[in-house]
Amino acid sequence: GEFAEMIKENLWVNPLLHFNNDADEEDFGDEDDEEDIGTDDSEED
């Protein structure tokens, strides 16, 4: 019942917002992972 309304009021209004969505989150996630890895290595040393 809500799918059409989501397309009309959300996706259609600014599809670029969703196109970029996970891409940005993945970039931040990768950076966090690298920081965690670096922290773990330093703690082991």
All heavy atoms as atom14 arrays in JSON, in Angstrom:
{
  "sequence": "GEFAEMIKENLWVNPLLHFNNDADEEDFGDEDDEEDIGTDDSEED",
  "atom14_mask": [
    [1, 1, 1, 1, 0, 0, 0, 0, 0, 0, 0, 0, 0, 0],
    [1, 1, 1, 1, 1, 1, 1, 1, 1, 0, 0, 0, 0, 0],
    [1, 1, 1, 1, 1, 1, 1, 1, 1, 1, 1, 0, 0, 0],
    [1, 1, 1, 1, 1, 0, 0, 0, 0, 0, 0, 0, 0, 0],
    [1, 1, 1, 1, 1, 1, 1, 1, 1, 0, 0, 0, 0, 0],
    [1, 1, 1, 1, 1, 1, 1, 1, 0, 0, 0, 0, 0, 0],
    [1, 1, 1, 1, 1, 1, 1, 1, 0, 0, 0, 0, 0, 0],
    [1, 1, 1, 1, 1, 1, 1, 1, 1, 0, 0, 0, 0, 0],
    [1, 1, 1, 1, 1, 1, 1, 1, 1, 0, 0, 0, 0, 0],
    [1, 1, 1, 1, 1, 1, 1, 1, 0, 0, 0, 0, 0, 0],
    [1, 1, 1, 1, 1, 1, 1, 1, 0, 0, 0, 0, 0, 0],
    [1, 1, 1, 1, 1, 1, 1, 1, 1, 1, 1, 1, 1, 1],
    [1, 1, 1, 1, 1, 1, 1, 0, 0, 0, 0, 0, 0, 0],
    [1, 1, 1, 1, 1, 1, 1, 1, 0, 0, 0, 0, 0, 0],
    [1, 1, 1, 1, 1, 1, 1, 0, 0, 0, 0, 0, 0, 0],
    [1, 1, 1, 1, 1, 1, 1, 1, 0, 0, 0, 0, 0, 0],
    [1, 1, 1, 1, 1, 1, 1, 1, 0, 0, 0, 0, 0, 0],
    [1, 1, 1, 1, 1, 1, 1, 1, 1, 1, 0, 0, 0, 0],
    [1, 1, 1, 1, 1, 1, 1, 1, 1, 1, 1, 0, 0, 0],
    [1, 1, 1, 1, 1, 1, 1, 1, 0, 0, 0, 0, 0, 0],
    [1, 1, 1, 1, 1, 1, 1, 1, 0, 0, 0, 0, 0, 0],
    [1, 1, 1, 1, 1, 1, 1, 1, 0, 0, 0, 0, 0, 0],
    [1, 1, 1, 1, 1, 0, 0, 0, 0, 0, 0, 0, 0, 0],
    [1, 1, 1, 1, 1, 1, 1, 1, 0, 0, 0, 0, 0, 0],
    [1, 1, 1, 1, 1, 1, 1, 1, 1, 0, 0, 0, 0, 0],
    [1, 1, 1, 1, 1, 1, 1, 1, 1, 0, 0, 0, 0, 0],
    [1, 1, 1, 1, 1, 1, 1, 1, 0, 0, 0, 0, 0, 0],
    [1, 1, 1, 1, 1, 1, 1, 1, 1, 1, 1, 0, 0, 0],
    [1, 1, 1, 1, 0, 0, 0, 0, 0, 0, 0, 0, 0, 0],
    [1, 1, 1, 1, 1, 1, 1, 1, 0, 0, 0, 0, 0, 0],
    [1, 1, 1, 1, 1, 1, 1, 1, 1, 0, 0, 0, 0, 0],
    [1, 1, 1, 1, 1, 1, 1, 1, 0, 0, 0, 0, 0, 0],
    [1, 1, 1, 1, 1, 1, 1, 1, 0, 0, 0, 0, 0, 0],
    [1, 1, 1, 1, 1, 1, 1, 1, 1, 0, 0, 0, 0, 0],
    [1, 1, 1, 1, 1, 1, 1, 1, 1, 0, 0, 0, 0, 0],
    [1, 1, 1, 1, 1, 1, 1, 1, 0, 0, 0, 0, 0, 0],
    [1, 1, 1, 1, 1, 1, 1, 1, 0, 0, 0, 0, 0, 0],
    [1, 1, 1, 1, 0, 0, 0, 0, 0, 0, 0, 0, 0, 0],
    [1, 1, 1, 1, 1, 1, 1, 0, 0, 0, 0, 0, 0, 0],
    [1, 1, 1, 1, 1, 1, 1, 1, 0, 0, 0, 0, 0, 0],
    [1, 1, 1, 1, 1, 1, 1, 1, 0, 0, 0, 0, 0, 0],
    [1, 1, 1, 1, 1, 1, 0, 0, 0, 0, 0, 0, 0, 0],
    [1, 1, 1, 1, 1, 1, 1, 1, 1, 0, 0, 0, 0, 0],
    [1, 1, 1, 1, 1, 1, 1, 1, 1, 0, 0, 0, 0, 0],
    [1, 1, 1, 1, 1, 1, 1, 1, 0, 0, 0, 0, 0, 0]
  ],
  "atom14_positions": [
    [[0.8, -1.22, 0.0], [0.0, 0.0, 0.0], [0.83, 1.27, 0.0], [0.34, 2.33, -0.36], [0.0, 0.0, 0.0], [0.0, 0.0, 0.0], [0.0, 0.0, 0.0], [0.0, 0.0, 0.0], [0.0, 0.0, 0.0], [0.0, 0.0, 0.0], [0.0, 0.0, 0.0], [0.0, 0.0, 0.0], [0.0, 0.0, 0.0], [0.0, 0.0, 0.0]],
    [[2.08, 1.19, 0.41], [2.91, 2.37, 0.54], [3.96, 2.5, -0.55], [4.56, 3.57, -0.71], [3.63, 2.35, 1.91], [2.68, 2.32, 3.09], [3.42, 2.14, 4.41], [4.66, 2.05, 4.38], [2.76, 2.09, 5.44], [0.0, 0.0, 0.0], [0.0, 0.0, 0.0], [0.0, 0.0, 0.0], [0.0, 0.0, 0.0], [0.0, 0.0, 0.0]],
    [[4.17, 1.45, -1.3], [5.28, 1.4, -2.26], [5.17, 2.52, -3.3], [6.13, 3.25, -3.56], [5.29, 0.03, -2.93], [6.58, -0.3, -3.64], [7.79, 0.06, -3.1], [6.56, -0.98, -4.84], [8.97, -0.24, -3.75], [7.73, -1.3, -5.5], [8.94, -0.92, -4.96], [0.0, 0.0, 0.0], [0.0, 0.0, 0.0], [0.0, 0.0, 0.0]],
    [[3.98, 2.68, -3.9], [3.79, 3.72, -4.91], [4.02, 5.11, -4.32], [4.64, 5.97, -4.94], [2.39, 3.62, -5.51], [0.0, 0.0, 0.0], [0.0, 0.0, 0.0], [0.0, 0.0, 0.0], [0.0, 0.0, 0.0], [0.0, 0.0, 0.0], [0.0, 0.0, 0.0], [0.0, 0.0, 0.0], [0.0, 0.0, 0.0], [0.0, 0.0, 0.0]],
    [[3.52, 5.31, -3.1], [3.68, 6.6, -2.44], [5.15, 6.9, -2.16], [5.6, 8.04, -2.28], [2.88, 6.62, -1.13], [2.66, 8.0, -0.55], [1.7, 8.85, -1.36], [0.96, 8.3, -2.21], [1.69, 10.07, -1.15], [0.0, 0.0, 0.0], [0.0, 0.0, 0.0], [0.0, 0.0, 0.0], [0.0, 0.0, 0.0], [0.0, 0.0, 0.0]],
    [[5.92, 5.88, -1.81], [7.35, 6.06, -1.57], [8.08, 6.48, -2.84], [8.97, 7.33, -2.82], [7.97, 4.77, -1.03], [7.59, 4.43, 0.38], [8.39, 2.88, 0.87], [7.64, 2.64, 2.47], [0.0, 0.0, 0.0], [0.0, 0.0, 0.0], [0.0, 0.0, 0.0], [0.0, 0.0, 0.0], [0.0, 0.0, 0.0], [0.0, 0.0, 0.0]],
    [[7.7, 5.86, -3.96], [8.32, 6.22, -5.23], [8.0, 7.66, -5.57], [8.88, 8.44, -5.95], [7.84, 5.28, -6.35], [8.33, 3.85, -6.1], [8.34, 5.76, -7.71], [7.79, 2.83, -7.08], [0.0, 0.0, 0.0], [0.0, 0.0, 0.0], [0.0, 0.0, 0.0], [0.0, 0.0, 0.0], [0.0, 0.0, 0.0], [0.0, 0.0, 0.0]],
    [[6.73, 8.03, -5.43], [6.29, 9.38, -5.81], [6.87, 10.46, -4.91], [7.39, 11.48, -5.4], [4.75, 9.45, -5.77], [4.18, 10.83, -6.12], [2.66, 10.81, -6.05], [2.06, 12.14, -6.51], [2.35, 13.25, -5.61], [0.0, 0.0, 0.0], [0.0, 0.0, 0.0], [0.0, 0.0, 0.0], [0.0, 0.0, 0.0], [0.0, 0.0, 0.0]],
    [[6.77, 10.29, -3.61], [7.11, 11.35, -2.67], [8.56, 11.33, -2.21], [9.04, 12.31, -1.65], [6.2, 11.28, -1.44], [4.72, 11.42, -1.75], [4.35, 12.79, -2.28], [5.17, 13.72, -2.14], [3.24, 12.93, -2.84], [0.0, 0.0, 0.0], [0.0, 0.0, 0.0], [0.0, 0.0, 0.0], [0.0, 0.0, 0.0], [0.0, 0.0, 0.0]],
    [[9.26, 10.23, -2.45], [10.61, 10.11, -1.91], [11.65, 9.86, -3.01], [12.5, 10.7, -3.28], [10.63, 8.99, -0.86], [11.93, 8.97, -0.08], [12.86, 8.25, -0.47], [12.02, 9.73, 0.99], [0.0, 0.0, 0.0], [0.0, 0.0, 0.0], [0.0, 0.0, 0.0], [0.0, 0.0, 0.0], [0.0, 0.0, 0.0], [0.0, 0.0, 0.0]],
    [[11.55, 8.72, -3.65], [12.56, 8.36, -4.65], [12.54, 9.33, -5.83], [13.59, 9.81, -6.27], [12.32, 6.94, -5.14], [13.34, 6.42, -6.17], [14.7, 6.27, -5.52], [12.88, 5.09, -6.75], [0.0, 0.0, 0.0], [0.0, 0.0, 0.0], [0.0, 0.0, 0.0], [0.0, 0.0, 0.0], [0.0, 0.0, 0.0], [0.0, 0.0, 0.0]],
    [[11.37, 9.62, -6.36], [11.26, 10.47, -7.54], [11.72, 11.9, -7.27], [12.33, 12.54, -8.11], [9.81, 10.47, -8.03], [9.49, 11.47, -9.1], [8.72, 12.58, -8.99], [9.93, 11.43, -10.46], [8.64, 13.24, -10.19], [9.38, 12.55, -11.12], [10.73, 10.56, -11.19], [9.6, 12.82, -12.46], [10.95, 10.84, -12.54], [10.4, 11.95, -13.15]],
    [[11.48, 12.39, -6.08], [11.83, 13.77, -5.73], [13.33, 13.98, -5.78], [13.82, 14.98, -6.31], [11.28, 14.13, -4.34], [11.79, 15.5, -3.89], [9.75, 14.13, -4.36], [0.0, 0.0, 0.0], [0.0, 0.0, 0.0], [0.0, 0.0, 0.0], [0.0, 0.0, 0.0], [0.0, 0.0, 0.0], [0.0, 0.0, 0.0], [0.0, 0.0, 0.0]],
    [[14.1, 13.02, -5.24], [15.56, 13.15, -5.25], [16.21, 11.77, -5.31], [16.69, 11.25, -4.31], [16.04, 13.91, -4.01], [17.52, 14.26, -4.08], [18.22, 13.88, -5.02], [18.01, 14.98, -3.09], [0.0, 0.0, 0.0], [0.0, 0.0, 0.0], [0.0, 0.0, 0.0], [0.0, 0.0, 0.0], [0.0, 0.0, 0.0], [0.0, 0.0, 0.0]],
    [[16.24, 11.16, -6.49], [16.83, 9.82, -6.61], [18.34, 9.81, -6.35], [18.89, 8.81, -5.92], [16.51, 9.41, -8.05], [16.36, 10.71, -8.79], [15.74, 11.66, -7.79], [0.0, 0.0, 0.0], [0.0, 0.0, 0.0], [0.0, 0.0, 0.0], [0.0, 0.0, 0.0], [0.0, 0.0, 0.0], [0.0, 0.0, 0.0], [0.0, 0.0, 0.0]],
    [[18.99, 10.95, -6.61], [20.43, 11.02, -6.39], [20.79, 10.81, -4.93], [21.84, 10.24, -4.6], [20.96, 12.37, -6.88], [22.48, 12.56, -6.85], [23.17, 11.53, -7.73], [22.85, 13.97, -7.3], [0.0, 0.0, 0.0], [0.0, 0.0, 0.0], [0.0, 0.0, 0.0], [0.0, 0.0, 0.0], [0.0, 0.0, 0.0], [0.0, 0.0, 0.0]],
    [[19.91, 11.26, -4.04], [20.13, 11.08, -2.61], [20.3, 9.6, -2.28], [21.19, 9.22, -1.5], [18.96, 11.67, -1.83], [18.99, 11.52, -0.31], [20.12, 12.35, 0.29], [17.66, 11.95, 0.29], [0.0, 0.0, 0.0], [0.0, 0.0, 0.0], [0.0, 0.0, 0.0], [0.0, 0.0, 0.0], [0.0, 0.0, 0.0], [0.0, 0.0, 0.0]],
    [[19.45, 8.76, -2.86], [19.52, 7.32, -2.58], [20.62, 6.65, -3.4], [21.25, 5.7, -2.93], [18.17, 6.69, -2.86], [17.08, 7.26, -2.02], [16.96, 7.0, -0.67], [16.07, 8.13, -2.32], [15.94, 7.66, -0.18], [15.39, 8.35, -1.15], [0.0, 0.0, 0.0], [0.0, 0.0, 0.0], [0.0, 0.0, 0.0], [0.0, 0.0, 0.0]],
    [[20.86, 7.13, -4.6], [21.94, 6.58, -5.43], [23.28, 6.71, -4.71], [24.12, 5.81, -4.75], [21.99, 7.33, -6.77], [23.07, 6.84, -7.7], [22.86, 5.74, -8.51], [24.29, 7.5, -7.76], [23.85, 5.3, -9.37], [25.29, 7.06, -8.61], [25.07, 5.95, -9.43], [0.0, 0.0, 0.0], [0.0, 0.0, 0.0], [0.0, 0.0, 0.0]],
    [[23.49, 7.83, -4.01], [24.75, 8.08, -3.29], [24.76, 7.5, -1.89], [25.8, 7.47, -1.24], [25.01, 9.59, -3.19], [25.41, 10.18, -4.52], [26.0, 9.51, -5.35], [25.09, 11.46, -4.71], [0.0, 0.0, 0.0], [0.0, 0.0, 0.0], [0.0, 0.0, 0.0], [0.0, 0.0, 0.0], [0.0, 0.0, 0.0], [0.0, 0.0, 0.0]],
    [[23.61, 7.04, -1.4], [23.45, 6.71, 0.01], [24.47, 5.72, 0.53], [25.33, 6.06, 1.32], [22.02, 6.19, 0.24], [21.7, 6.03, 1.71], [22.31, 6.66, 2.56], [20.75, 5.18, 2.01], [0.0, 0.0, 0.0], [0.0, 0.0, 0.0], [0.0, 0.0, 0.0], [0.0, 0.0, 0.0], [0.0, 0.0, 0.0], [0.0, 0.0, 0.0]],
    [[24.38, 4.46, 0.1], [25.26, 3.43, 0.65], [26.71, 3.62, 0.26], [27.6, 3.19, 0.97], [24.79, 2.04, 0.18], [23.67, 1.51, 1.04], [23.25, 2.21, 1.97], [23.21, 0.4, 0.77], [0.0, 0.0, 0.0], [0.0, 0.0, 0.0], [0.0, 0.0, 0.0], [0.0, 0.0, 0.0], [0.0, 0.0, 0.0], [0.0, 0.0, 0.0]],
    [[26.92, 4.26, -0.88], [28.3, 4.47, -1.32], [29.06, 5.28, -0.28], [30.18, 4.97, 0.09], [28.32, 5.19, -2.66], [0.0, 0.0, 0.0], [0.0, 0.0, 0.0], [0.0, 0.0, 0.0], [0.0, 0.0, 0.0], [0.0, 0.0, 0.0], [0.0, 0.0, 0.0], [0.0, 0.0, 0.0], [0.0, 0.0, 0.0], [0.0, 0.0, 0.0]],
    [[28.43, 6.36, 0.23], [29.08, 7.18, 1.25], [29.28, 6.4, 2.54], [30.33, 6.46, 3.16], [28.22, 8.43, 1.54], [28.17, 9.37, 0.34], [29.07, 9.25, -0.5], [27.24, 10.18, 0.27], [0.0, 0.0, 0.0], [0.0, 0.0, 0.0], [0.0, 0.0, 0.0], [0.0, 0.0, 0.0], [0.0, 0.0, 0.0], [0.0, 0.0, 0.0]],
    [[28.24, 5.62, 2.93], [28.33, 4.86, 4.17], [29.43, 3.81, 4.1], [30.15, 3.57, 5.05], [26.99, 4.2, 4.47], [25.91, 5.2, 4.84], [24.59, 4.53, 5.16], [24.57, 3.29, 5.13], [23.6, 5.24, 5.42], [0.0, 0.0, 0.0], [0.0, 0.0, 0.0], [0.0, 0.0, 0.0], [0.0, 0.0, 0.0], [0.0, 0.0, 0.0]],
    [[29.58, 3.18, 2.91], [30.61, 2.17, 2.75], [31.99, 2.79, 2.89], [32.9, 2.21, 3.47], [30.46, 1.5, 1.39], [29.25, 0.56, 1.32], [28.99, 0.07, -0.1], [29.81, 0.42, -0.98], [27.99, -0.63, -0.31], [0.0, 0.0, 0.0], [0.0, 0.0, 0.0], [0.0, 0.0, 0.0], [0.0, 0.0, 0.0], [0.0, 0.0, 0.0]],
    [[32.17, 4.02, 2.33], [33.46, 4.68, 2.44], [33.81, 4.94, 3.9], [34.92, 4.68, 4.35], [33.44, 6.01, 1.67], [33.37, 5.79, 0.16], [33.68, 4.67, -0.26], [32.99, 6.74, -0.57], [0.0, 0.0, 0.0], [0.0, 0.0, 0.0], [0.0, 0.0, 0.0], [0.0, 0.0, 0.0], [0.0, 0.0, 0.0], [0.0, 0.0, 0.0]],
    [[32.82, 5.46, 4.66], [33.06, 5.72, 6.08], [33.35, 4.42, 6.82], [34.2, 4.35, 7.68], [31.85, 6.41, 6.7], [31.68, 7.82, 6.25], [30.45, 8.29, 5.79], [32.76, 8.7, 6.26], [30.3, 9.59, 5.37], [32.62, 10.01, 5.85], [31.38, 10.45, 5.39], [0.0, 0.0, 0.0], [0.0, 0.0, 0.0], [0.0, 0.0, 0.0]],
    [[32.61, 3.37, 6.43], [32.8, 2.08, 7.08], [34.19, 1.54, 6.88], [34.82, 1.0, 7.78], [0.0, 0.0, 0.0], [0.0, 0.0, 0.0], [0.0, 0.0, 0.0], [0.0, 0.0, 0.0], [0.0, 0.0, 0.0], [0.0, 0.0, 0.0], [0.0, 0.0, 0.0], [0.0, 0.0, 0.0], [0.0, 0.0, 0.0], [0.0, 0.0, 0.0]],
    [[34.73, 1.7, 5.64], [36.07, 1.22, 5.34], [37.1, 1.96, 6.18], [38.06, 1.38, 6.68], [36.38, 1.41, 3.85], [35.53, 0.5, 2.98], [34.99, -0.48, 3.54], [35.4, 0.77, 1.76], [0.0, 0.0, 0.0], [0.0, 0.0, 0.0], [0.0, 0.0, 0.0], [0.0, 0.0, 0.0], [0.0, 0.0, 0.0], [0.0, 0.0, 0.0]],
    [[36.89, 3.3, 6.33], [37.83, 4.08, 7.12], [37.82, 3.62, 8.57], [38.86, 3.5, 9.21], [37.47, 5.56, 7.03], [37.69, 6.15, 5.64], [37.23, 7.58, 5.55], [36.78, 8.1, 6.6], [37.3, 8.19, 4.47], [0.0, 0.0, 0.0], [0.0, 0.0, 0.0], [0.0, 0.0, 0.0], [0.0, 0.0, 0.0], [0.0, 0.0, 0.0]],
    [[36.62, 3.35, 9.1], [36.51, 2.9, 10.49], [37.21, 1.57, 10.67], [37.88, 1.34, 11.67], [35.03, 2.77, 10.88], [34.36, 4.13, 10.96], [35.09, 5.13, 11.06], [33.1, 4.17, 10.9], [0.0, 0.0, 0.0], [0.0, 0.0, 0.0], [0.0, 0.0, 0.0], [0.0, 0.0, 0.0], [0.0, 0.0, 0.0], [0.0, 0.0, 0.0]],
    [[37.05, 0.67, 9.67], [37.68, -0.64, 9.76], [39.19, -0.51, 9.8], [39.87, -1.21, 10.55], [37.27, -1.52, 8.56], [35.8, -1.9, 8.64], [35.23, -1.77, 9.75], [35.24, -2.3, 7.6], [0.0, 0.0, 0.0], [0.0, 0.0, 0.0], [0.0, 0.0, 0.0], [0.0, 0.0, 0.0], [0.0, 0.0, 0.0], [0.0, 0.0, 0.0]],
    [[39.72, 0.41, 8.94], [41.16, 0.58, 8.9], [41.67, 1.12, 10.23], [42.71, 0.7, 10.72], [41.53, 1.56, 7.78], [41.29, 0.96, 6.38], [41.54, 1.98, 5.28], [41.9, 3.13, 5.63], [41.39, 1.64, 4.1], [0.0, 0.0, 0.0], [0.0, 0.0, 0.0], [0.0, 0.0, 0.0], [0.0, 0.0, 0.0], [0.0, 0.0, 0.0]],
    [[40.89, 2.06, 10.84], [41.31, 2.59, 12.14], [41.3, 1.51, 13.2], [42.19, 1.43, 14.03], [40.37, 3.73, 12.54], [40.53, 4.98, 11.67], [39.57, 6.06, 12.07], [38.81, 5.83, 13.03], [39.57, 7.14, 11.44], [0.0, 0.0, 0.0], [0.0, 0.0, 0.0], [0.0, 0.0, 0.0], [0.0, 0.0, 0.0], [0.0, 0.0, 0.0]],
    [[40.26, 0.64, 13.17], [40.17, -0.44, 14.15], [41.34, -1.39, 14.01], [41.92, -1.84, 14.99], [38.85, -1.2, 13.96], [37.66, -0.34, 14.36], [37.88, 0.66, 15.07], [36.53, -0.67, 13.94], [0.0, 0.0, 0.0], [0.0, 0.0, 0.0], [0.0, 0.0, 0.0], [0.0, 0.0, 0.0], [0.0, 0.0, 0.0], [0.0, 0.0, 0.0]],
    [[41.7, -1.7, 12.73], [42.8, -2.63, 12.5], [44.1, -2.04, 13.04], [44.89, -2.7, 13.69], [42.94, -2.91, 10.99], [41.72, -3.71, 10.52], [44.22, -3.69, 10.7], [41.67, -3.9, 9.0], [0.0, 0.0, 0.0], [0.0, 0.0, 0.0], [0.0, 0.0, 0.0], [0.0, 0.0, 0.0], [0.0, 0.0, 0.0], [0.0, 0.0, 0.0]],
    [[44.3, -0.73, 12.78], [45.5, -0.08, 13.26], [45.57, -0.07, 14.77], [46.61, -0.27, 15.37], [0.0, 0.0, 0.0], [0.0, 0.0, 0.0], [0.0, 0.0, 0.0], [0.0, 0.0, 0.0], [0.0, 0.0, 0.0], [0.0, 0.0, 0.0], [0.0, 0.0, 0.0], [0.0, 0.0, 0.0], [0.0, 0.0, 0.0], [0.0, 0.0, 0.0]],
    [[44.44, 0.14, 15.42], [44.38, 0.17, 16.87], [44.69, -1.2, 17.44], [45.45, -1.33, 18.4], [42.98, 0.61, 17.34], [42.7, 1.89, 16.8], [42.93, 0.66, 18.85], [0.0, 0.0, 0.0], [0.0, 0.0, 0.0], [0.0, 0.0, 0.0], [0.0, 0.0, 0.0], [0.0, 0.0, 0.0], [0.0, 0.0, 0.0], [0.0, 0.0, 0.0]],
    [[44.14, -2.25, 16.83], [44.38, -3.6, 17.32], [45.84, -3.95, 17.22], [46.43, -4.55, 18.13], [43.55, -4.6, 16.51], [42.06, -4.43, 16.76], [41.73, -3.82, 17.79], [41.25, -4.91, 15.94], [0.0, 0.0, 0.0], [0.0, 0.0, 0.0], [0.0, 0.0, 0.0], [0.0, 0.0, 0.0], [0.0, 0.0, 0.0], [0.0, 0.0, 0.0]],
    [[46.49, -3.56, 16.08], [47.9, -3.88, 15.9], [48.76, -3.2, 16.95], [49.68, -3.79, 17.51], [48.35, -3.44, 14.49], [47.72, -4.32, 13.41], [47.23, -5.42, 13.77], [47.71, -3.9, 12.23], [0.0, 0.0, 0.0], [0.0, 0.0, 0.0], [0.0, 0.0, 0.0], [0.0, 0.0, 0.0], [0.0, 0.0, 0.0], [0.0, 0.0, 0.0]],
    [[48.46, -1.91, 17.23], [49.26, -1.17, 18.2], [49.1, -1.74, 19.59], [50.05, -1.79, 20.36], [48.86, 0.31, 18.18], [47.51, 0.46, 18.55], [0.0, 0.0, 0.0], [0.0, 0.0, 0.0], [0.0, 0.0, 0.0], [0.0, 0.0, 0.0], [0.0, 0.0, 0.0], [0.0, 0.0, 0.0], [0.0, 0.0, 0.0], [0.0, 0.0, 0.0]],
    [[47.87, -2.19, 19.93], [47.63, -2.76, 21.25], [48.4, -4.06, 21.4], [48.96, -4.35, 22.47], [46.14, -3.0, 21.44], [45.35, -1.71, 21.61], [43.87, -1.97, 21.74], [43.47, -3.14, 21.54], [43.12, -1.02, 22.03], [0.0, 0.0, 0.0], [0.0, 0.0, 0.0], [0.0, 0.0, 0.0], [0.0, 0.0, 0.0], [0.0, 0.0, 0.0]],
    [[48.47, -4.88, 20.32], [49.2, -6.13, 20.39], [50.68, -5.88, 20.61], [51.37, -6.56, 21.36], [48.98, -6.93, 19.09], [47.57, -7.48, 18.97], [47.36, -8.2, 17.65], [48.35, -8.27, 16.88], [46.25, -8.68, 17.41], [0.0, 0.0, 0.0], [0.0, 0.0, 0.0], [0.0, 0.0, 0.0], [0.0, 0.0, 0.0], [0.0, 0.0, 0.0]],
    [[51.23, -4.82, 19.93], [52.66, -4.48, 20.09], [52.95, -4.08, 21.52], [53.98, -4.45, 22.09], [53.03, -3.34, 19.13], [52.96, -3.79, 17.66], [53.0, -5.02, 17.44], [52.86, -2.92, 16.76], [0.0, 0.0, 0.0], [0.0, 0.0, 0.0], [0.0, 0.0, 0.0], [0.0, 0.0, 0.0], [0.0, 0.0, 0.0], [0.0, 0.0, 0.0]]
  ]
}
